[in-house]
Amino acid sequence: MGMEEEKELEELVKKIKTKALREEAKKRGIKTACVKKIDIAKQLPREVLEELSTEK
């Protein structure tokens, strides 16, 4: 992952509520305990992150 992609991902993650991010991760069997938001986000598909970032 390049620096540009990393920055974009960080910006997306800032818009997503932690609870919503963790719920999506759990649906996919991704570990969420003791993991930073950004690390969870890296394991989720991009379209899921974009969808979560637009939810209010």
C-alpha atoms as a PDB file:
ATOM      1  CA  MET A   1       0.000   0.000   0.000  1.00  0.00           C
ATOM      2  CA  GLY A   2       1.452   3.350  -1.037  1.00  0.00           C
ATOM      3  CA  MET A   3       1.580   6.525   1.018  1.00  0.00           C
ATOM      4  CA  GLU A   4      -1.229   8.067  -1.030  1.00  0.00           C
ATOM      5  CA  GLU A   5      -3.517   5.075  -0.463  1.00  0.00           C
ATOM      6  CA  GLU A   6      -2.633   5.066   3.223  1.00  0.00           C
ATOM      7  CA  LYS A   7      -3.661   8.740   3.563  1.00  0.00           C
ATOM      8  CA  GLU A   8      -6.948   8.134   1.714  1.00  0.00           C
ATOM      9  CA  LEU A   9      -7.688   5.179   3.955  1.00  0.00           C
ATOM     10  CA  GLU A  10      -6.972   7.234   7.083  1.00  0.00           C
ATOM     11  CA  GLU A  11      -9.359   9.960   5.899  1.00  0.00           C
ATOM     12  CA  LEU A  12     -12.096   7.402   5.221  1.00  0.00           C
ATOM     13  CA  VAL A  13     -11.609   5.771   8.616  1.00  0.00           C
ATOM     14  CA  LYS A  14     -11.950   9.134  10.406  1.00  0.00           C
ATOM     15  CA  LYS A  15     -15.510   9.378   9.048  1.00  0.00           C
ATOM     16  CA  ILE A  16     -16.511   5.906  10.253  1.00  0.00           C
ATOM     17  CA  LYS A  17     -17.794   5.199  13.734  1.00  0.00           C
ATOM     18  CA  THR A  18     -15.715   2.587  15.544  1.00  0.00           C
ATOM     19  CA  LYS A  19     -18.795   0.546  16.440  1.00  0.00           C
ATOM     20  CA  ALA A  20     -19.889   0.307  12.786  1.00  0.00           C
ATOM     21  CA  LEU A  21     -16.381  -0.672  11.693  1.00  0.00           C
ATOM     22  CA  ARG A  22     -16.161  -3.406  14.327  1.00  0.00           C
ATOM     23  CA  GLU A  23     -19.599  -4.770  13.404  1.00  0.00           C
ATOM     24  CA  GLU A  24     -18.579  -5.094   9.746  1.00  0.00           C
ATOM     25  CA  ALA A  25     -15.324  -6.773  10.740  1.00  0.00           C
ATOM     26  CA  LYS A  26     -17.127  -9.279  12.973  1.00  0.00           C
ATOM     27  CA  LYS A  27     -19.482 -10.205  10.100  1.00  0.00           C
ATOM     28  CA  ARG A  28     -16.386 -11.190   8.133  1.00  0.00           C
ATOM     29  CA  GLY A  29     -14.635 -12.978  10.981  1.00  0.00           C
ATOM     30  CA  ILE A  30     -11.949 -10.305  11.387  1.00  0.00           C
ATOM     31  CA  LYS A  31     -10.460  -9.991  14.869  1.00  0.00           C
ATOM     32  CA  THR A  32     -11.374  -6.674  16.512  1.00  0.00           C
ATOM     33  CA  ALA A  33     -10.014  -6.987  20.053  1.00  0.00           C
ATOM     34  CA  CYS A  34      -6.893  -4.900  20.745  1.00  0.00           C
ATOM     35  CA  VAL A  35      -6.716  -3.765  17.116  1.00  0.00           C
ATOM     36  CA  LYS A  36      -6.571  -0.161  15.894  1.00  0.00           C
ATOM     37  CA  LYS A  37      -9.352   1.170  13.679  1.00  0.00           C
ATOM     38  CA  ILE A  38      -6.948   1.600  10.781  1.00  0.00           C
ATOM     39  CA  ASP A  39      -5.817  -2.040  11.023  1.00  0.00           C
ATOM     40  CA  ILE A  40      -9.420  -3.245  10.926  1.00  0.00           C
ATOM     41  CA  ALA A  41     -10.087  -0.990   7.937  1.00  0.00           C
ATOM     42  CA  LYS A  42      -7.131  -2.423   6.011  1.00  0.00           C
ATOM     43  CA  GLN A  43      -8.751  -5.856   6.190  1.00  0.00           C
ATOM     44  CA  LEU A  44     -12.155  -4.727   4.927  1.00  0.00           C
ATOM     45  CA  PRO A  45     -13.045  -4.275   1.254  1.00  0.00           C
ATOM     46  CA  ARG A  46     -12.755  -0.674   0.024  1.00  0.00           C
ATOM     47  CA  GLU A  47     -16.432  -0.474  -1.006  1.00  0.00           C
ATOM     48  CA  VAL A  48     -17.509  -1.413   2.539  1.00  0.00           C
ATOM     49  CA  LEU A  49     -15.384   1.397   3.980  1.00  0.00           C
ATOM     50  CA  GLU A  50     -16.813   3.896   1.507  1.00  0.00           C
ATOM     51  CA  GLU A  51     -20.345   2.820   2.352  1.00  0.00           C
ATOM     52  CA  LEU A  52     -19.698   3.096   6.111  1.00  0.00           C
ATOM     53  CA  SER A  53     -18.106   6.530   5.730  1.00  0.00           C
ATOM     54  CA  THR A  54     -21.258   7.940   4.127  1.00  0.00           C
ATOM     55  CA  GLU A  55     -23.618   6.633   6.836  1.00  0.00           C
ATOM     56  CA  LYS A  56     -24.746   9.083   9.487  1.00  0.00           C
END
